[in-house]
């Protein structure tokens, strides 16, 4: 495991739909993760799943991304944030 910062940049456009579960939790001790949607990327919870979870002590930056159609009982349908979350030029839509 590395504590170096990392960036995921999408070079495509469209919707990524989650079918079995939310994305893996963002955990502490791994450095800052940046997810850059590039031109037009949506990550959809398919109205069944939370999209992302940021654990305590973890750091996530979202850029140029749409988080849509997340679903959770309680809070955090799009993103459940217990860490540090920075959001730039991004949209949250249809999360419940």
PDB file of N, CA and C in Angstrom:
ATOM      1  N   UNK A   1       0.836  -1.183   0.000  1.00  0.00           N
ATOM      2  CA  UNK A   1       0.000   0.000   0.000  1.00  0.00           C
ATOM      3  C   UNK A   1       0.874   1.237   0.000  1.00  0.00           C
ATOM      4  N   UNK A   2       0.432   2.224  -0.766  1.00  0.00           N
ATOM      5  CA  UNK A   2       1.195   3.448  -0.915  1.00  0.00           C
ATOM      6  C   UNK A   2       0.435   4.620  -0.314  1.00  0.00           C
ATOM      7  N   UNK A   3       1.191   5.571   0.217  1.00  0.00           N
ATOM      8  CA  UNK A   3       0.560   6.778   0.729  1.00  0.00           C
ATOM      9  C   UNK A   3       0.710   7.926  -0.267  1.00  0.00           C
ATOM     10  N   UNK A   4       1.119   7.623  -1.494  1.00  0.00           N
ATOM     11  CA  UNK A   4       1.268   8.645  -2.529  1.00  0.00           C
ATOM     12  C   UNK A   4      -0.096   9.074  -3.060  1.00  0.00           C
ATOM     13  N   UNK A   5      -0.175  10.338  -3.474  1.00  0.00           N
ATOM     14  CA  UNK A   5      -1.409  10.837  -4.082  1.00  0.00           C
ATOM     15  C   UNK A   5      -1.614  10.173  -5.440  1.00  0.00           C
ATOM     16  N   UNK A   6      -2.873  10.051  -5.855  1.00  0.00           N
ATOM     17  CA  UNK A   6      -3.179   9.396  -7.117  1.00  0.00           C
ATOM     18  C   UNK A   6      -4.328  10.123  -7.798  1.00  0.00           C
ATOM     19  N   UNK A   7      -4.350  10.087  -9.140  1.00  0.00           N
ATOM     20  CA  UNK A   7      -5.404  10.729  -9.913  1.00  0.00           C
ATOM     21  C   UNK A   7      -5.951   9.754 -10.940  1.00  0.00           C
ATOM     22  N   UNK A   8      -7.269   9.679 -11.019  1.00  0.00           N
ATOM     23  CA  UNK A   8      -7.954   8.941 -12.077  1.00  0.00           C
ATOM     24  C   UNK A   8      -8.569   9.991 -12.988  1.00  0.00           C
ATOM     25  N   UNK A   9      -8.174   9.979 -14.269  1.00  0.00           N
ATOM     26  CA  UNK A   9      -8.726  10.919 -15.243  1.00  0.00           C
ATOM     27  C   UNK A   9      -9.379  10.136 -16.362  1.00  0.00           C
ATOM     28  N   UNK A  10     -10.642  10.418 -16.607  1.00  0.00           N
ATOM     29  CA  UNK A  10     -11.371   9.741 -17.676  1.00  0.00           C
ATOM     30  C   UNK A  10     -11.138  10.467 -18.995  1.00  0.00           C
ATOM     31  N   UNK A  11     -10.836   9.715 -20.039  1.00  0.00           N
ATOM     32  CA  UNK A  11     -10.649  10.267 -21.376  1.00  0.00           C
ATOM     33  C   UNK A  11     -11.805   9.892 -22.282  1.00  0.00           C
ATOM     34  N   UNK A  12     -12.921   9.552 -21.687  1.00  0.00           N
ATOM     35  CA  UNK A  12     -14.138   9.187 -22.410  1.00  0.00           C
ATOM     36  C   UNK A  12     -15.283  10.001 -21.827  1.00  0.00           C
ATOM     37  N   UNK A  13     -16.438   9.919 -22.445  1.00  0.00           N
ATOM     38  CA  UNK A  13     -17.625  10.540 -21.881  1.00  0.00           C
ATOM     39  C   UNK A  13     -18.711   9.478 -21.792  1.00  0.00           C
ATOM     40  N   UNK A  14     -19.700   9.728 -20.948  1.00  0.00           N
ATOM     41  CA  UNK A  14     -20.807   8.799 -20.806  1.00  0.00           C
ATOM     42  C   UNK A  14     -21.088   8.503 -19.351  1.00  0.00           C
ATOM     43  N   UNK A  15     -21.882   7.464 -19.133  1.00  0.00           N
ATOM     44  CA  UNK A  15     -22.315   7.093 -17.789  1.00  0.00           C
ATOM     45  C   UNK A  15     -21.735   5.752 -17.389  1.00  0.00           C
ATOM     46  N   UNK A  16     -21.173   5.723 -16.196  1.00  0.00           N
ATOM     47  CA  UNK A  16     -20.716   4.484 -15.580  1.00  0.00           C
ATOM     48  C   UNK A  16     -21.796   4.106 -14.582  1.00  0.00           C
ATOM     49  N   UNK A  17     -22.445   2.967 -14.795  1.00  0.00           N
ATOM     50  CA  UNK A  17     -23.561   2.554 -13.944  1.00  0.00           C
ATOM     51  C   UNK A  17     -23.115   1.429 -13.033  1.00  0.00           C
ATOM     52  N   UNK A  18     -23.356   1.598 -11.731  1.00  0.00           N
ATOM     53  CA  UNK A  18     -23.008   0.569 -10.743  1.00  0.00           C
ATOM     54  C   UNK A  18     -24.124  -0.463 -10.691  1.00  0.00           C
ATOM     55  N   UNK A  19     -23.766  -1.749 -10.793  1.00  0.00           N
ATOM     56  CA  UNK A  19     -24.781  -2.797 -10.831  1.00  0.00           C
ATOM     57  C   UNK A  19     -24.772  -3.717  -9.622  1.00  0.00           C
ATOM     58  N   UNK A  20     -23.643  -3.880  -8.929  1.00  0.00           N
ATOM     59  CA  UNK A  20     -23.594  -4.828  -7.822  1.00  0.00           C
ATOM     60  C   UNK A  20     -23.398  -4.174  -6.461  1.00  0.00           C
ATOM     61  N   UNK A  21     -22.745  -3.017  -6.427  1.00  0.00           N
ATOM     62  CA  UNK A  21     -22.513  -2.329  -5.157  1.00  0.00           C
ATOM     63  C   UNK A  21     -21.922  -0.952  -5.428  1.00  0.00           C
ATOM     64  N   UNK A  22     -21.709  -0.191  -4.361  1.00  0.00           N
ATOM     65  CA  UNK A  22     -21.044   1.097  -4.489  1.00  0.00           C
ATOM     66  C   UNK A  22     -19.582   0.872  -4.852  1.00  0.00           C
ATOM     67  N   UNK A  23     -18.888   1.938  -5.237  1.00  0.00           N
ATOM     68  CA  UNK A  23     -17.454   1.850  -5.481  1.00  0.00           C
ATOM     69  C   UNK A  23     -16.732   1.549  -4.174  1.00  0.00           C
ATOM     70  N   UNK A  24     -15.508   1.023  -4.229  1.00  0.00           N
ATOM     71  CA  UNK A  24     -14.768   0.756  -2.979  1.00  0.00           C
ATOM     72  C   UNK A  24     -14.586   2.032  -2.162  1.00  0.00           C
ATOM     73  N   UNK A  25     -14.613   1.892  -0.842  1.00  0.00           N
ATOM     74  CA  UNK A  25     -14.437   3.036   0.048  1.00  0.00           C
ATOM     75  C   UNK A  25     -13.081   3.688  -0.175  1.00  0.00           C
ATOM     76  N   UNK A  26     -13.049   5.003  -0.024  1.00  0.00           N
ATOM     77  CA  UNK A  26     -11.801   5.755  -0.017  1.00  0.00           C
ATOM     78  C   UNK A  26     -11.306   5.709   1.425  1.00  0.00           C
ATOM     79  N   UNK A  27     -10.112   5.164   1.640  1.00  0.00           N
ATOM     80  CA  UNK A  27      -9.621   4.915   2.998  1.00  0.00           C
ATOM     81  C   UNK A  27      -8.440   5.813   3.342  1.00  0.00           C
ATOM     82  N   UNK A  28      -8.197   5.994   4.634  1.00  0.00           N
ATOM     83  CA  UNK A  28      -7.096   6.838   5.085  1.00  0.00           C
ATOM     84  C   UNK A  28      -5.761   6.123   4.899  1.00  0.00           C
ATOM     85  N   UNK A  29      -4.694   6.915   4.895  1.00  0.00           N
ATOM     86  CA  UNK A  29      -3.349   6.362   4.793  1.00  0.00           C
ATOM     87  C   UNK A  29      -2.917   6.026   3.382  1.00  0.00           C
ATOM     88  N   UNK A  30      -3.736   6.370   2.394  1.00  0.00           N
ATOM     89  CA  UNK A  30      -3.430   6.043   1.003  1.00  0.00           C
ATOM     90  C   UNK A  30      -3.116   7.282   0.168  1.00  0.00           C
ATOM     91  N   UNK A  31      -2.991   8.438   0.776  1.00  0.00           N
ATOM     92  CA  UNK A  31      -2.779   9.674   0.037  1.00  0.00           C
ATOM     93  C   UNK A  31      -4.112  10.213  -0.463  1.00  0.00           C
ATOM     94  N   UNK A  32      -4.063  11.348  -1.150  1.00  0.00           N
ATOM     95  CA  UNK A  32      -5.253  11.966  -1.705  1.00  0.00           C
ATOM     96  C   UNK A  32      -5.596  11.317  -3.037  1.00  0.00           C
ATOM     97  N   UNK A  33      -6.862  10.968  -3.219  1.00  0.00           N
ATOM     98  CA  UNK A  33      -7.332  10.469  -4.501  1.00  0.00           C
ATOM     99  C   UNK A  33      -8.120  11.576  -5.184  1.00  0.00           C
ATOM    100  N   UNK A  34      -7.784  11.840  -6.445  1.00  0.00           N
ATOM    101  CA  UNK A  34      -8.529  12.781  -7.268  1.00  0.00           C
ATOM    102  C   UNK A  34      -9.192  12.001  -8.391  1.00  0.00           C
ATOM    103  N   UNK A  35     -10.487  12.208  -8.576  1.00  0.00           N
ATOM    104  CA  UNK A  35     -11.207  11.611  -9.700  1.00  0.00           C
ATOM    105  C   UNK A  35     -11.658  12.764 -10.588  1.00  0.00           C
ATOM    106  N   UNK A  36     -11.124  12.777 -11.817  1.00  0.00           N
ATOM    107  CA  UNK A  36     -11.431  13.834 -12.774  1.00  0.00           C
ATOM    108  C   UNK A  36     -12.270  13.236 -13.893  1.00  0.00           C
ATOM    109  N   UNK A  37     -13.494  13.722 -14.016  1.00  0.00           N
ATOM    110  CA  UNK A  37     -14.416  13.195 -15.016  1.00  0.00           C
ATOM    111  C   UNK A  37     -14.096  13.598 -16.435  1.00  0.00           C
ATOM    112  N   UNK A  38     -13.108  14.459 -16.617  1.00  0.00           N
ATOM    113  CA  UNK A  38     -12.737  14.863 -17.965  1.00  0.00           C
ATOM    114  C   UNK A  38     -13.832  15.670 -18.629  1.00  0.00           C
ATOM    115  N   UNK A  39     -14.281  15.220 -19.786  1.00  0.00           N
ATOM    116  CA  UNK A  39     -15.238  16.015 -20.553  1.00  0.00           C
ATOM    117  C   UNK A  39     -16.677  15.869 -20.070  1.00  0.00           C
ATOM    118  N   UNK A  40     -17.141  14.666 -19.804  1.00  0.00           N
ATOM    119  CA  UNK A  40     -18.545  14.497 -19.413  1.00  0.00           C
ATOM    120  C   UNK A  40     -18.791  13.083 -18.901  1.00  0.00           C
ATOM    121  N   UNK A  41     -18.385  12.815 -17.674  1.00  0.00           N
ATOM    122  CA  UNK A  41     -18.583  11.487 -17.086  1.00  0.00           C
ATOM    123  C   UNK A  41     -19.559  11.584 -15.926  1.00  0.00           C
ATOM    124  N   UNK A  42     -20.510  10.654 -15.906  1.00  0.00           N
ATOM    125  CA  UNK A  42     -21.450  10.492 -14.801  1.00  0.00           C
ATOM    126  C   UNK A  42     -21.221   9.127 -14.187  1.00  0.00           C
ATOM    127  N   UNK A  43     -21.175   9.082 -12.859  1.00  0.00           N
ATOM    128  CA  UNK A  43     -21.169   7.794 -12.154  1.00  0.00           C
ATOM    129  C   UNK A  43     -22.534   7.672 -11.496  1.00  0.00           C
ATOM    130  N   UNK A  44     -23.271   6.635 -11.880  1.00  0.00           N
ATOM    131  CA  UNK A  44     -24.642   6.441 -11.428  1.00  0.00           C
ATOM    132  C   UNK A  44     -24.741   5.273 -10.455  1.00  0.00           C
ATOM    133  N   UNK A  45     -25.442   5.502  -9.347  1.00  0.00           N
ATOM    134  CA  UNK A  45     -25.735   4.433  -8.399  1.00  0.00           C
ATOM    135  C   UNK A  45     -26.900   3.571  -8.834  1.00  0.00           C
ATOM    136  N   UNK A  46     -27.447   3.852 -10.021  1.00  0.00           N
ATOM    137  CA  UNK A  46     -28.498   3.017 -10.611  1.00  0.00           C
ATOM    138  C   UNK A  46     -29.758   2.981  -9.745  1.00  0.00           C
ATOM    139  N   UNK A  47     -29.953   4.022  -8.908  1.00  0.00           N
ATOM    140  CA  UNK A  47     -31.070   4.095  -7.962  1.00  0.00           C
ATOM    141  C   UNK A  47     -31.114   2.913  -6.995  1.00  0.00           C
ATOM    142  N   UNK A  48     -29.963   2.249  -6.826  1.00  0.00           N
ATOM    143  CA  UNK A  48     -29.871   1.105  -5.910  1.00  0.00           C
ATOM    144  C   UNK A  48     -28.745   1.219  -4.900  1.00  0.00           C
ATOM    145  N   UNK A  49     -27.691   1.975  -5.219  1.00  0.00           N
ATOM    146  CA  UNK A  49     -26.482   1.969  -4.392  1.00  0.00           C
ATOM    147  C   UNK A  49     -25.960   3.374  -4.157  1.00  0.00           C
ATOM    148  N   UNK A  50     -25.335   3.564  -2.988  1.00  0.00           N
ATOM    149  CA  UNK A  50     -24.549   4.764  -2.747  1.00  0.00           C
ATOM    150  C   UNK A  50     -23.417   4.737  -3.769  1.00  0.00           C
ATOM    151  N   UNK A  51     -22.972   5.884  -4.231  1.00  0.00           N
ATOM    152  CA  UNK A  51     -21.918   5.913  -5.238  1.00  0.00           C
ATOM    153  C   UNK A  51     -20.543   5.800  -4.577  1.00  0.00           C
ATOM    154  N   UNK A  52     -20.242   6.648  -3.609  1.00  0.00           N
ATOM    155  CA  UNK A  52     -18.916   6.685  -2.982  1.00  0.00           C
ATOM    156  C   UNK A  52     -19.023   6.859  -1.475  1.00  0.00           C
ATOM    157  N   UNK A  53     -17.999   6.377  -0.773  1.00  0.00           N
ATOM    158  CA  UNK A  53     -17.889   6.620   0.665  1.00  0.00           C
ATOM    159  C   UNK A  53     -16.446   7.002   0.979  1.00  0.00           C
ATOM    160  N   UNK A  54     -16.289   8.133   1.673  1.00  0.00           N
ATOM    161  CA  UNK A  54     -14.975   8.606   2.097  1.00  0.00           C
ATOM    162  C   UNK A  54     -14.857   8.346   3.592  1.00  0.00           C
ATOM    163  N   UNK A  55     -13.974   7.433   3.967  1.00  0.00           N
ATOM    164  CA  UNK A  55     -13.804   7.069   5.373  1.00  0.00           C
ATOM    165  C   UNK A  55     -13.098   8.176   6.153  1.00  0.00           C
ATOM    166  N   UNK A  56     -13.224   8.136   7.461  1.00  0.00           N
ATOM    167  CA  UNK A  56     -12.567   9.082   8.348  1.00  0.00           C
ATOM    168  C   UNK A  56     -11.061   9.092   8.072  1.00  0.00           C
ATOM    169  N   UNK A  57     -10.499  10.287   7.939  1.00  0.00           N
ATOM    170  CA  UNK A  57      -9.065  10.430   7.696  1.00  0.00           C
ATOM    171  C   UNK A  57      -8.668  10.352   6.235  1.00  0.00           C
ATOM    172  N   UNK A  58      -9.591   9.983   5.354  1.00  0.00           N
ATOM    173  CA  UNK A  58      -9.293   9.869   3.924  1.00  0.00           C
ATOM    174  C   UNK A  58      -9.578  11.194   3.221  1.00  0.00           C
ATOM    175  N   UNK A  59      -8.959  11.377   2.058  1.00  0.00           N
ATOM    176  CA  UNK A  59      -9.128  12.608   1.301  1.00  0.00           C
ATOM    177  C   UNK A  59      -9.463  12.284  -0.148  1.00  0.00           C
ATOM    178  N   UNK A  60     -10.555  12.884  -0.648  1.00  0.00           N
ATOM    179  CA  UNK A  60     -11.003  12.685  -2.023  1.00  0.00           C
ATOM    180  C   UNK A  60     -11.305  14.035  -2.649  1.00  0.00           C
ATOM    181  N   UNK A  61     -10.864  14.196  -3.907  1.00  0.00           N
ATOM    182  CA  UNK A  61     -11.217  15.372  -4.695  1.00  0.00           C
ATOM    183  C   UNK A  61     -11.976  14.908  -5.929  1.00  0.00           C
ATOM    184  N   UNK A  62     -13.139  15.498  -6.160  1.00  0.00           N
ATOM    185  CA  UNK A  62     -13.930  15.222  -7.357  1.00  0.00           C
ATOM    186  C   UNK A  62     -13.875  16.444  -8.250  1.00  0.00           C
ATOM    187  N   UNK A  63     -13.558  16.230  -9.541  1.00  0.00           N
ATOM    188  CA  UNK A  63     -13.487  17.329 -10.498  1.00  0.00           C
ATOM    189  C   UNK A  63     -14.242  16.946 -11.763  1.00  0.00           C
ATOM    190  N   UNK A  64     -15.014  17.871 -12.288  1.00  0.00           N
ATOM    191  CA  UNK A  64     -15.651  17.689 -13.600  1.00  0.00           C
ATOM    192  C   UNK A  64     -16.415  16.366 -13.685  1.00  0.00           C
ATOM    193  N   UNK A  65     -17.202  16.070 -12.688  1.00  0.00           N
ATOM    194  CA  UNK A  65     -17.852  14.768 -12.570  1.00  0.00           C
ATOM    195  C   UNK A  65     -19.298  14.961 -12.135  1.00  0.00           C
ATOM    196  N   UNK A  66     -20.171  14.059 -12.571  1.00  0.00           N
ATOM    197  CA  UNK A  66     -21.538  14.038 -12.068  1.00  0.00           C
ATOM    198  C   UNK A  66     -21.738  12.767 -11.266  1.00  0.00           C
ATOM    199  N   UNK A  67     -22.247  12.914 -10.053  1.00  0.00           N
ATOM    200  CA  UNK A  67     -22.612  11.788  -9.190  1.00  0.00           C
ATOM    201  C   UNK A  67     -24.132  11.756  -9.186  1.00  0.00           C
ATOM    202  N   UNK A  68     -24.708  10.679  -9.723  1.00  0.00           N
ATOM    203  CA  UNK A  68     -26.159  10.666  -9.939  1.00  0.00           C
ATOM    204  C   UNK A  68     -26.799   9.375  -9.464  1.00  0.00           C
ATOM    205  N   UNK A  69     -28.066   9.497  -9.106  1.00  0.00           N
ATOM    206  CA  UNK A  69     -28.938   8.359  -8.832  1.00  0.00           C
ATOM    207  C   UNK A  69     -28.405   7.410  -7.758  1.00  0.00           C
ATOM    208  N   UNK A  70     -27.684   7.967  -6.788  1.00  0.00           N
ATOM    209  CA  UNK A  70     -27.267   7.178  -5.641  1.00  0.00           C
ATOM    210  C   UNK A  70     -28.438   6.992  -4.693  1.00  0.00           C
ATOM    211  N   UNK A  71     -28.430   5.899  -3.988  1.00  0.00           N
ATOM    212  CA  UNK A  71     -29.524   5.623  -3.043  1.00  0.00           C
ATOM    213  C   UNK A  71     -28.944   5.014  -1.778  1.00  0.00           C
ATOM    214  N   UNK A  72     -29.388   5.526  -0.637  1.00  0.00           N
ATOM    215  CA  UNK A  72     -28.943   5.004   0.653  1.00  0.00           C
ATOM    216  C   UNK A  72     -30.038   5.219   1.677  1.00  0.00           C
ATOM    217  N   UNK A  73     -30.103   4.343   2.645  1.00  0.00           N
ATOM    218  CA  UNK A  73     -30.989   4.535   3.777  1.00  0.00           C
ATOM    219  C   UNK A  73     -30.244   5.433   4.751  1.00  0.00           C
ATOM    220  N   UNK A  74     -30.839   6.555   5.086  1.00  0.00           N
ATOM    221  CA  UNK A  74     -30.167   7.510   5.956  1.00  0.00           C
ATOM    222  C   UNK A  74     -29.525   8.614   5.139  1.00  0.00           C
ATOM    223  N   UNK A  75     -28.215   8.783   5.269  1.00  0.00           N
ATOM    224  CA  UNK A  75     -27.512   9.886   4.616  1.00  0.00           C
ATOM    225  C   UNK A  75     -26.488   9.378   3.611  1.00  0.00           C
ATOM    226  N   UNK A  76     -26.051  10.280   2.755  1.00  0.00           N
ATOM    227  CA  UNK A  76     -24.932   9.986   1.871  1.00  0.00           C
ATOM    228  C   UNK A  76     -25.249   9.134   0.675  1.00  0.00           C
ATOM    229  N   UNK A  77     -26.308   9.422  -0.040  1.00  0.00           N
ATOM    230  CA  UNK A  77     -26.664   8.607  -1.203  1.00  0.00           C
ATOM    231  C   UNK A  77     -25.672   8.792  -2.342  1.00  0.00           C
ATOM    232  N   UNK A  78     -25.271  10.040  -2.602  1.00  0.00           N
ATOM    233  CA  UNK A  78     -24.262  10.285  -3.625  1.00  0.00           C
ATOM    234  C   UNK A  78     -22.881   9.990  -3.079  1.00  0.00           C
ATOM    235  N   UNK A  79     -22.528  10.685  -2.000  1.00  0.00           N
ATOM    236  CA  UNK A  79     -21.253  10.469  -1.309  1.00  0.00           C
ATOM    237  C   UNK A  79     -21.501  10.542   0.186  1.00  0.00           C
ATOM    238  N   UNK A  80     -21.119   9.508   0.910  1.00  0.00           N
ATOM    239  CA  UNK A  80     -21.105   9.552   2.367  1.00  0.00           C
ATOM    240  C   UNK A  80     -19.701   9.988   2.758  1.00  0.00           C
ATOM    241  N   UNK A  81     -19.593  11.183   3.330  1.00  0.00           N
ATOM    242  CA  UNK A  81     -18.286  11.752   3.617  1.00  0.00           C
ATOM    243  C   UNK A  81     -18.022  11.840   5.109  1.00  0.00           C
ATOM    244  N   UNK A  82     -17.060  11.056   5.573  1.00  0.00           N
ATOM    245  CA  UNK A  82     -16.585  11.150   6.955  1.00  0.00           C
ATOM    246  C   UNK A  82     -15.151  11.657   6.992  1.00  0.00           C
ATOM    247  N   UNK A  83     -14.594  11.996   5.819  1.00  0.00           N
ATOM    248  CA  UNK A  83     -13.210  12.456   5.711  1.00  0.00           C
ATOM    249  C   UNK A  83     -13.161  13.876   5.188  1.00  0.00           C
ATOM    250  N   UNK A  84     -12.272  14.103   4.219  1.00  0.00           N
ATOM    251  CA  UNK A  84     -12.138  15.406   3.586  1.00  0.00           C
ATOM    252  C   UNK A  84     -12.517  15.266   2.126  1.00  0.00           C
ATOM    253  N   UNK A  85     -13.505  16.025   1.698  1.00  0.00           N
ATOM    254  CA  UNK A  85     -14.000  15.963   0.330  1.00  0.00           C
ATOM    255  C   UNK A  85     -13.945  17.355  -0.281  1.00  0.00           C
ATOM    256  N   UNK A  86     -13.293  17.453  -1.435  1.00  0.00           N
ATOM    257  CA  UNK A  86     -13.259  18.696  -2.194  1.00  0.00           C
ATOM    258  C   UNK A  86     -13.976  18.448  -3.513  1.00  0.00           C
ATOM    259  N   UNK A  87     -14.916  19.314  -3.849  1.00  0.00           N
ATOM    260  CA  UNK A  87     -15.711  19.155  -5.071  1.00  0.00           C
ATOM    261  C   UNK A  87     -15.536  20.402  -5.927  1.00  0.00           C
ATOM    262  N   UNK A  88     -15.113  20.192  -7.197  1.00  0.00           N
ATOM    263  CA  UNK A  88     -14.885  21.290  -8.115  1.00  0.00           C
ATOM    264  C   UNK A  88     -15.584  21.012  -9.433  1.00  0.00           C
ATOM    265  N   UNK A  89     -16.386  21.962  -9.893  1.00  0.00           N
ATOM    266  CA  UNK A  89     -17.044  21.869 -11.194  1.00  0.00           C
ATOM    267  C   UNK A  89     -17.751  20.520 -11.380  1.00  0.00           C
ATOM    268  N   UNK A  90     -18.467  20.091 -10.366  1.00  0.00           N
ATOM    269  CA  UNK A  90     -19.147  18.798 -10.387  1.00  0.00           C
ATOM    270  C   UNK A  90     -20.613  18.972 -10.021  1.00  0.00           C
ATOM    271  N   UNK A  91     -21.421  17.940 -10.341  1.00  0.00           N
ATOM    272  CA  UNK A  91     -22.852  18.002 -10.120  1.00  0.00           C
ATOM    273  C   UNK A  91     -23.301  16.774  -9.345  1.00  0.00           C
ATOM    274  N   UNK A  92     -24.236  16.984  -8.405  1.00  0.00           N
ATOM    275  CA  UNK A  92     -24.907  15.892  -7.716  1.00  0.00           C
ATOM    276  C   UNK A  92     -26.363  15.938  -8.164  1.00  0.00           C
ATOM    277  N   UNK A  93     -26.885  14.827  -8.677  1.00  0.00           N
ATOM    278  CA  UNK A  93     -28.223  14.842  -9.260  1.00  0.00           C
ATOM    279  C   UNK A  93     -28.981  13.558  -8.974  1.00  0.00           C
ATOM    280  N   UNK A  94     -30.217  13.696  -8.490  1.00  0.00           N
ATOM    281  CA  UNK A  94     -31.111  12.547  -8.350  1.00  0.00           C
ATOM    282  C   UNK A  94     -30.711  11.560  -7.265  1.00  0.00           C
ATOM    283  N   UNK A  95     -29.919  11.980  -6.281  1.00  0.00           N
ATOM    284  CA  UNK A  95     -29.517  11.085  -5.191  1.00  0.00           C
ATOM    285  C   UNK A  95     -30.564  11.134  -4.082  1.00  0.00           C
ATOM    286  N   UNK A  96     -30.884   9.983  -3.491  1.00  0.00           N
ATOM    287  CA  UNK A  96     -31.902   9.967  -2.430  1.00  0.00           C
ATOM    288  C   UNK A  96     -31.576   8.943  -1.371  1.00  0.00           C
TER     289      UNK A  96
END
